[in-house]
Amino acid sequence: MSGTPYGKSMAKAAVEAARAAGATKKKVERVYNFNPGPATLPLPVLEELQKNLLALPGVGMSVLEISHRSKTFDGIISAAEADLRKLLNLPDTYAVMFLQGGASLQFTMVPMNLLPKDGSADYLVSGHWSERAVKEAKKLGKVNIAGSTESENFRRLPRRDEWKLDPKAAYVHFTSNNTIYGTEWWKEPEVGSVPLVCDASSNILSKWIDVKKYALIYAGAQKNMGAAGVTTVIIRDDLLERVPSGLPSMLDYKLHAQKKSAYNTSPVFAVYVLGLVLRWLLKIGGLKEIERRNEEKARLIYEGIDASGGFYRGTAEKESRSRMNITFRLPSEELEAKFIQEAAEQKLSGLKGHRSVGGLRASVFNAFPVEGVQALVGFMKDFQQKNG
């Protein structure tokens, strides 16, 4: 019969499809990702991405295929902004933008939009990324280094009595967490009436903050908020009035705010992932809950370091320690290399310190599970017993 070959091919296809489906149901083996970014995403977010990647429910297209001008994406980006506002209790007097270019582009956009030709800006320098911000700002105007701990290899943050702030500065810029050196501003600097600008790329949404103390916050998403490709900018409305006319369109805050992040093609997938992460944060209890989790994770590792009798040595001063990036050293570089290799064999990945400083670094951003921290601390104890 003419239908027989067709029937056989259909049956064969059905068997192969069943086998493929069975293969996808096998448990995926994942390591604990201590890398400093892109960082661990919440497992429920990854599962939702996997489930809906072929076609968004009710849309019939992948999120990778939909138009950035479609009603579907309008809903995605509007929901992301609404959830971000809810998490931060963000007043209506702030605009939210989802841009591209990473925090590195913001090093240029901030002074281009906010630093007058006849003015100056204060920068508190606490690590590599704040140095990079200064470098770019100097290309556009006058910069005052209001405080720096470079002479101490950025082991701590500049203390208040060391700052030299200009009350007439256009703004004060600081980097809230330093991934390379493992330091973090536990509280934002108090700068009076001068607008406070923050690069919060590596600790945004990791704790509760009073947004009203800030004039502008910017952050790449790939550590705590989602996937690489989108940068969140939160700016107080009055600062938009400072933006000079004639700026290149893609570098103009006012234009991006007016166009609601849709002046050019938005990073659709990255915004979609960001929205899923924001929804996850709300579901688990918001910023107070994630702050509790982050404090617990950091405490466990620092206690392991401090209880080692000097075998493990934290590189940041205790009052400046980061909850996102825990940096430490061992007695020798040879032991550090051995530690990294053996840890990787135990599925503890990404513990090598930044190439500029060496040592070890455990990055435990929002979605990193406490079970991974417990596994690391257990490995540290075992490694010390064998090599101490």
Protein backbone atom coordinates (compact mmCIF):
# COMPACT_ATOMS: atom_id res chain seq x y z
CA MET A 1 0.00 0.00 0.00
CA SER A 2 1.12 3.47 -0.79
CA GLY A 3 0.45 4.54 2.79
CA THR A 4 2.73 1.95 4.37
CA PRO A 5 6.10 3.70 3.89
CA TYR A 6 4.52 6.92 5.10
CA GLY A 7 3.14 5.16 8.15
CA LYS A 8 6.53 3.61 8.91
CA SER A 9 8.30 6.95 8.63
CA MET A 10 5.73 8.53 10.93
CA ALA A 11 6.19 5.75 13.46
CA LYS A 12 9.97 6.11 13.28
CA ALA A 13 9.66 9.88 13.75
CA ALA A 14 7.39 9.33 16.76
CA VAL A 15 9.93 6.98 18.36
CA GLU A 16 12.77 9.44 17.78
CA ALA A 17 10.69 12.30 19.20
CA ALA A 18 9.90 10.21 22.28
CA ARG A 19 13.57 9.42 22.76
CA ALA A 20 14.45 13.10 22.41
CA ALA A 21 11.78 14.04 24.92
CA GLY A 22 13.09 11.45 27.33
CA ALA A 23 16.62 12.78 26.91
CA THR A 24 15.53 16.31 27.79
CA LYS A 25 13.94 15.04 30.98
CA LYS A 26 17.22 13.63 32.24
CA LYS A 27 18.61 15.57 35.16
CA VAL A 28 21.00 18.27 34.01
CA GLU A 29 24.26 18.31 35.94
CA ARG A 30 25.17 21.84 37.03
CA VAL A 31 28.26 23.15 38.79
CA TYR A 32 28.29 25.85 41.44
CA ASN A 33 29.15 28.99 39.50
CA PHE A 34 31.35 31.33 41.56
CA ASN A 35 32.28 33.43 38.52
CA PRO A 36 32.00 37.23 38.89
CA GLY A 37 29.68 37.56 35.92
CA PRO A 38 27.78 36.67 33.97
CA ALA A 39 26.58 35.04 37.12
CA THR A 40 24.20 32.36 38.32
CA LEU A 41 20.57 32.84 37.35
CA PRO A 42 17.67 31.57 39.49
CA LEU A 43 16.81 28.00 38.54
CA PRO A 44 13.07 28.80 38.15
CA VAL A 45 14.03 31.51 35.64
CA LEU A 46 16.20 29.11 33.63
CA GLU A 47 13.41 26.55 33.64
CA GLU A 48 10.88 29.09 32.40
CA LEU A 49 13.28 30.20 29.69
CA GLN A 50 13.72 26.61 28.60
CA LYS A 51 10.00 25.92 28.66
CA ASN A 52 8.99 28.95 26.60
CA LEU A 53 12.01 29.53 24.38
CA LEU A 54 10.47 27.87 21.32
CA ALA A 55 7.29 29.94 21.57
CA LEU A 56 5.95 32.38 24.14
CA PRO A 57 2.51 31.27 25.40
CA GLY A 58 -0.20 32.68 23.17
CA VAL A 59 2.29 34.29 20.79
CA GLY A 60 3.55 31.44 18.61
CA MET A 61 7.05 32.94 18.34
CA SER A 62 10.18 32.76 20.42
CA VAL A 63 11.11 35.79 22.49
CA LEU A 64 14.22 35.77 20.29
CA GLU A 65 12.00 36.46 17.28
CA ILE A 66 9.40 38.96 18.42
CA SER A 67 9.52 42.59 17.32
CA HIS A 68 10.73 45.19 19.78
CA ARG A 69 7.76 47.27 18.57
CA SER A 70 5.20 44.54 19.25
CA LYS A 71 2.48 44.63 21.89
CA THR A 72 4.06 41.50 23.37
CA PHE A 73 7.34 43.26 24.03
CA ASP A 74 5.55 46.38 25.22
CA GLY A 75 4.00 44.16 27.88
CA ILE A 76 7.35 42.58 28.76
CA ILE A 77 9.27 45.83 29.20
CA SER A 78 6.39 47.60 30.97
CA ALA A 79 6.08 44.72 33.45
CA ALA A 80 9.83 44.77 34.07
CA GLU A 81 9.74 48.48 34.86
CA ALA A 82 6.70 48.08 37.11
CA ASP A 83 8.33 45.24 39.06
CA LEU A 84 11.58 47.18 39.43
CA ARG A 85 9.64 50.15 40.77
CA LYS A 86 7.85 47.88 43.21
CA LEU A 87 11.06 46.25 44.46
CA LEU A 88 12.77 49.60 45.04
CA ASN A 89 9.66 51.53 46.09
CA LEU A 90 10.70 53.90 43.33
CA PRO A 91 8.89 57.26 43.28
CA ASP A 92 7.27 58.57 40.11
CA THR A 93 9.86 61.34 40.08
CA TYR A 94 12.42 58.87 38.69
CA ALA A 95 12.67 57.61 35.12
CA VAL A 96 13.75 54.06 34.31
CA MET A 97 15.65 53.17 31.16
CA PHE A 98 16.83 49.83 29.80
CA LEU A 99 19.85 50.63 27.63
CA GLN A 100 22.82 48.90 26.05
CA GLY A 101 26.59 49.25 26.23
CA GLY A 102 27.05 48.03 29.80
CA ALA A 103 28.25 50.10 32.73
CA SER A 104 31.29 51.00 30.63
CA LEU A 105 29.16 53.15 28.35
CA GLN A 106 27.66 54.84 31.40
CA PHE A 107 31.17 55.96 32.37
CA THR A 108 30.83 58.25 29.34
CA MET A 109 27.09 58.99 29.40
CA VAL A 110 27.06 60.25 32.98
CA PRO A 111 29.55 63.10 32.46
CA MET A 112 28.32 63.77 28.92
CA ASN A 113 24.80 64.38 30.25
CA LEU A 114 25.47 65.80 33.71
CA LEU A 115 28.88 67.50 33.79
CA PRO A 116 28.77 71.13 32.55
CA LYS A 117 31.76 72.46 30.63
CA ASP A 118 32.47 75.00 33.37
CA GLY A 119 31.83 72.56 36.24
CA SER A 120 33.52 69.62 37.93
CA ALA A 121 32.48 66.26 39.37
CA ASP A 122 33.67 64.42 42.47
CA TYR A 123 34.68 60.76 42.19
CA LEU A 124 35.28 58.42 45.13
CA VAL A 125 37.77 55.86 43.84
CA SER A 126 37.70 52.43 45.44
CA GLY A 127 38.81 50.05 42.72
CA HIS A 128 39.41 49.28 39.06
CA TRP A 129 35.94 50.17 37.80
CA SER A 130 35.77 53.51 39.54
CA GLU A 131 39.19 54.24 38.05
CA ARG A 132 37.77 53.41 34.63
CA ALA A 133 34.86 55.77 35.28
CA VAL A 134 37.30 58.56 36.17
CA LYS A 135 39.34 57.93 33.02
CA GLU A 136 36.30 58.38 30.79
CA ALA A 137 34.95 61.39 32.70
CA LYS A 138 38.27 63.21 32.36
CA LYS A 139 37.86 63.10 28.58
CA LEU A 140 34.75 65.24 28.94
CA GLY A 141 35.39 67.61 31.82
CA LYS A 142 37.04 68.38 35.12
CA VAL A 143 37.21 65.59 37.69
CA ASN A 144 38.10 65.85 41.36
CA ILE A 145 39.33 62.68 43.07
CA ALA A 146 37.46 63.20 46.31
CA GLY A 147 38.86 60.08 47.96
CA SER A 148 40.94 57.07 46.98
CA THR A 149 42.55 54.02 48.54
CA GLU A 150 44.75 53.17 45.56
CA SER A 151 47.88 53.51 47.72
CA GLU A 152 46.59 50.60 49.84
CA ASN A 153 45.73 48.48 46.79
CA PHE A 154 42.04 49.15 47.45
CA ARG A 155 41.89 46.90 50.53
CA ARG A 156 39.30 49.24 52.02
CA LEU A 157 36.97 52.08 51.12
CA PRO A 158 37.88 55.75 51.58
CA ARG A 159 36.87 56.87 55.08
CA ARG A 160 34.66 59.90 55.57
CA ASP A 161 37.45 61.92 57.18
CA GLU A 162 39.55 61.36 54.04
CA TRP A 163 37.02 62.73 51.57
CA LYS A 164 37.54 66.12 49.95
CA LEU A 165 34.13 66.92 48.53
CA ASP A 166 33.28 70.03 46.58
CA PRO A 167 29.87 71.39 47.66
CA LYS A 168 29.50 72.89 44.17
CA ALA A 169 30.25 69.66 42.32
CA ALA A 170 27.88 68.64 39.53
CA TYR A 171 27.60 65.22 41.16
CA VAL A 172 29.45 62.69 43.34
CA HIS A 173 30.14 59.33 41.73
CA PHE A 174 30.92 56.10 43.56
CA THR A 175 31.01 52.36 42.79
CA SER A 176 28.94 50.54 45.38
CA ASN A 177 30.69 47.16 45.14
CA ASN A 178 34.16 46.30 43.91
CA THR A 179 34.28 42.87 42.32
CA ILE A 180 38.06 42.65 41.98
CA TYR A 181 39.05 43.75 45.48
CA GLY A 182 36.07 42.40 47.40
CA THR A 183 34.92 45.64 49.05
CA GLU A 184 31.44 47.11 49.33
CA TRP A 185 29.81 50.30 50.56
CA TRP A 186 27.39 48.96 53.19
CA LYS A 187 25.75 52.41 53.23
CA GLU A 188 25.83 55.02 50.52
CA PRO A 189 28.11 58.03 51.13
CA GLU A 190 26.39 61.06 52.62
CA VAL A 191 27.11 63.96 50.26
CA GLY A 192 24.57 66.59 51.26
CA SER A 193 22.64 68.28 48.47
CA VAL A 194 25.05 67.28 45.69
CA PRO A 195 23.48 64.65 43.39
CA LEU A 196 24.73 61.15 44.19
CA VAL A 197 25.53 58.92 41.19
CA CYS A 198 26.15 55.22 41.69
CA ASP A 199 27.56 52.42 39.58
CA ALA A 200 25.66 49.57 41.25
CA SER A 201 26.45 46.92 38.64
CA SER A 202 27.61 44.25 41.07
CA ASN A 203 25.27 44.68 44.03
CA ILE A 204 22.06 46.21 42.70
CA LEU A 205 18.94 44.59 44.21
CA SER A 206 21.08 42.62 46.68
CA LYS A 207 19.83 44.66 49.63
CA TRP A 208 17.33 47.32 50.56
CA ILE A 209 18.35 50.90 49.77
CA ASP A 210 16.64 54.25 50.08
CA VAL A 211 16.50 55.25 46.43
CA LYS A 212 15.60 58.83 47.34
CA LYS A 213 19.21 59.35 48.45
CA TYR A 214 20.36 58.79 44.87
CA ALA A 215 20.10 61.03 41.83
CA LEU A 216 21.19 58.35 39.36
CA ILE A 217 21.85 54.61 39.59
CA TYR A 218 23.16 52.51 36.73
CA ALA A 219 23.90 48.81 36.57
CA GLY A 220 24.70 46.10 34.08
CA ALA A 221 22.26 43.24 34.53
CA GLN A 222 24.59 40.25 34.32
CA LYS A 223 25.39 39.82 38.00
CA ASN A 224 22.17 40.24 39.99
CA MET A 225 19.46 41.20 37.52
CA GLY A 226 19.67 38.86 34.56
CA ALA A 227 21.69 38.19 31.43
CA ALA A 228 24.32 40.33 29.76
CA GLY A 229 23.08 42.80 27.18
CA VAL A 230 20.94 45.27 29.09
CA THR A 231 21.90 48.10 31.45
CA THR A 232 19.39 49.62 33.81
CA VAL A 233 19.53 53.37 34.41
CA ILE A 234 17.41 55.02 37.10
CA ILE A 235 17.54 58.81 37.02
CA ARG A 236 15.74 61.54 38.96
CA ASP A 237 13.62 63.71 36.72
CA ASP A 238 15.31 66.98 37.65
CA LEU A 239 18.63 65.69 36.33
CA LEU A 240 17.09 65.17 32.91
CA GLU A 241 16.62 68.93 32.74
CA ARG A 242 20.39 69.32 32.93
CA VAL A 243 21.00 67.33 29.76
CA PRO A 244 22.46 69.68 27.15
CA SER A 245 21.00 69.84 23.68
CA GLY A 246 22.87 68.49 20.69
CA LEU A 247 24.17 65.27 22.22
CA PRO A 248 24.50 62.21 19.98
CA SER A 249 21.07 60.59 20.09
CA MET A 250 22.23 57.25 21.45
CA LEU A 251 24.02 59.01 24.34
CA ASP A 252 21.16 61.33 25.34
CA TYR A 253 19.39 60.40 28.60
CA LYS A 254 16.49 62.75 27.89
CA LEU A 255 15.80 61.19 24.51
CA HIS A 256 15.94 57.63 25.85
CA ALA A 257 13.59 58.59 28.70
CA GLN A 258 11.14 60.25 26.30
CA LYS A 259 11.19 57.21 24.01
CA LYS A 260 10.77 54.84 26.98
CA SER A 261 13.88 52.82 26.08
CA ALA A 262 12.58 52.26 22.54
CA TYR A 263 14.55 54.81 20.56
CA ASN A 264 16.47 51.97 18.95
CA THR A 265 16.07 48.19 18.89
CA SER A 266 15.90 47.08 22.50
CA PRO A 267 17.83 44.03 23.74
CA VAL A 268 14.59 42.05 23.79
CA PHE A 269 15.86 38.77 25.21
CA ALA A 270 17.94 40.44 27.93
CA VAL A 271 14.95 42.55 29.01
CA TYR A 272 12.79 39.42 29.07
CA VAL A 273 15.27 37.62 31.33
CA LEU A 274 15.55 40.69 33.55
CA GLY A 275 11.77 40.72 33.93
CA LEU A 276 11.73 37.07 34.97
CA VAL A 277 14.43 37.71 37.58
CA LEU A 278 12.54 40.70 38.99
CA ARG A 279 9.41 38.57 39.25
CA TRP A 280 11.42 35.88 41.06
CA LEU A 281 12.74 38.45 43.54
CA LEU A 282 9.22 39.63 44.31
CA LYS A 283 8.01 36.05 44.70
CA ILE A 284 10.65 35.15 47.29
CA GLY A 285 9.92 38.22 49.42
CA GLY A 286 11.69 41.16 47.81
CA LEU A 287 14.88 42.95 48.80
CA LYS A 288 14.65 42.36 52.53
CA GLU A 289 14.58 38.60 51.95
CA ILE A 290 17.37 38.58 49.37
CA GLU A 291 19.46 40.74 51.70
CA ARG A 292 18.97 38.15 54.47
CA ARG A 293 20.08 35.37 52.13
CA ASN A 294 23.10 37.30 50.93
CA GLU A 295 24.19 38.12 54.47
CA GLU A 296 23.96 34.44 55.41
CA LYS A 297 26.01 33.29 52.43
CA ALA A 298 28.75 35.86 52.99
CA ARG A 299 28.83 35.17 56.75
CA LEU A 300 29.42 31.45 56.21
CA ILE A 301 32.41 32.04 53.94
CA TYR A 302 33.96 34.80 56.04
CA GLU A 303 33.58 32.67 59.16
CA GLY A 304 35.40 29.87 57.34
CA ILE A 305 38.21 32.25 56.43
CA ASP A 306 38.50 33.80 59.89
CA ALA A 307 38.43 30.45 61.69
CA SER A 308 41.28 28.99 59.63
CA GLY A 309 44.06 30.35 61.84
CA GLY A 310 45.59 32.29 58.97
CA PHE A 311 45.61 29.50 56.40
CA TYR A 312 43.00 31.52 54.53
CA ARG A 313 43.47 35.28 54.63
CA GLY A 314 40.81 37.75 53.57
CA THR A 315 42.20 40.54 51.40
CA ALA A 316 39.65 43.23 52.25
CA GLU A 317 39.56 44.97 55.62
CA LYS A 318 36.65 43.68 57.70
CA GLU A 319 34.69 46.96 57.78
CA SER A 320 34.80 47.09 53.96
CA ARG A 321 34.07 43.46 53.14
CA SER A 322 31.77 42.72 50.22
CA ARG A 323 28.80 40.39 50.49
CA MET A 324 28.93 39.75 46.76
CA ASN A 325 32.61 38.98 46.15
CA ILE A 326 34.66 37.32 48.88
CA THR A 327 38.38 37.60 48.10
CA PHE A 328 41.07 35.66 49.94
CA ARG A 329 44.57 34.22 49.70
CA LEU A 330 46.35 31.05 50.75
CA PRO A 331 49.93 30.74 52.08
CA SER A 332 51.39 30.34 48.57
CA GLU A 333 50.45 30.72 44.92
CA GLU A 334 51.15 27.01 44.44
CA LEU A 335 48.51 26.15 47.04
CA GLU A 336 46.10 28.59 45.43
CA ALA A 337 46.51 26.88 42.05
CA LYS A 338 45.97 23.50 43.68
CA PHE A 339 42.90 24.79 45.50
CA ILE A 340 41.36 26.10 42.28
CA GLN A 341 42.02 22.85 40.42
CA GLU A 342 40.69 20.57 43.14
CA ALA A 343 37.69 22.80 43.78
CA ALA A 344 36.78 22.62 40.09
CA GLU A 345 36.93 18.83 40.31
CA GLN A 346 34.32 19.11 43.07
CA LYS A 347 32.11 21.23 40.78
CA LEU A 348 33.06 24.47 42.53
CA SER A 349 33.80 26.58 39.46
CA GLY A 350 35.17 30.07 38.88
CA LEU A 351 37.13 30.62 42.11
CA LYS A 352 40.24 32.11 40.54
CA GLY A 353 40.83 35.74 41.52
CA HIS A 354 41.04 38.53 38.99
CA ARG A 355 44.24 38.39 36.93
CA SER A 356 45.36 41.79 38.23
CA VAL A 357 45.42 40.74 41.89
CA GLY A 358 45.58 36.93 41.92
CA GLY A 359 44.35 34.87 44.85
CA LEU A 360 40.84 33.52 45.07
CA ARG A 361 37.40 35.01 44.78
CA ALA A 362 34.01 33.53 45.57
CA SER A 363 31.27 35.55 43.89
CA VAL A 364 27.91 34.80 45.47
CA PHE A 365 25.37 37.05 43.80
CA ASN A 366 21.63 36.99 44.43
CA ALA A 367 20.77 33.70 42.75
CA PHE A 368 23.74 31.75 44.05
CA PRO A 369 22.37 28.98 46.30
CA VAL A 370 23.38 28.62 49.93
CA GLU A 371 24.04 24.94 49.26
CA GLY A 372 26.93 25.99 47.03
CA VAL A 373 28.36 28.13 49.82
CA GLN A 374 28.08 25.23 52.24
CA ALA A 375 29.87 22.99 49.75
CA LEU A 376 32.66 25.55 49.39
CA VAL A 377 33.13 25.95 53.14
CA GLY A 378 33.24 22.18 53.55
CA PHE A 379 35.84 21.93 50.78
CA MET A 380 37.91 24.71 52.41
CA LYS A 381 38.03 22.83 55.70
CA ASP A 382 38.98 19.59 53.98
CA PHE A 383 41.64 21.30 51.88
CA GLN A 384 43.22 22.90 54.94
CA GLN A 385 43.33 19.59 56.79
CA LYS A 386 45.20 18.01 53.88
CA ASN A 387 47.50 20.91 53.08
CA GLY A 388 47.76 23.05 56.20
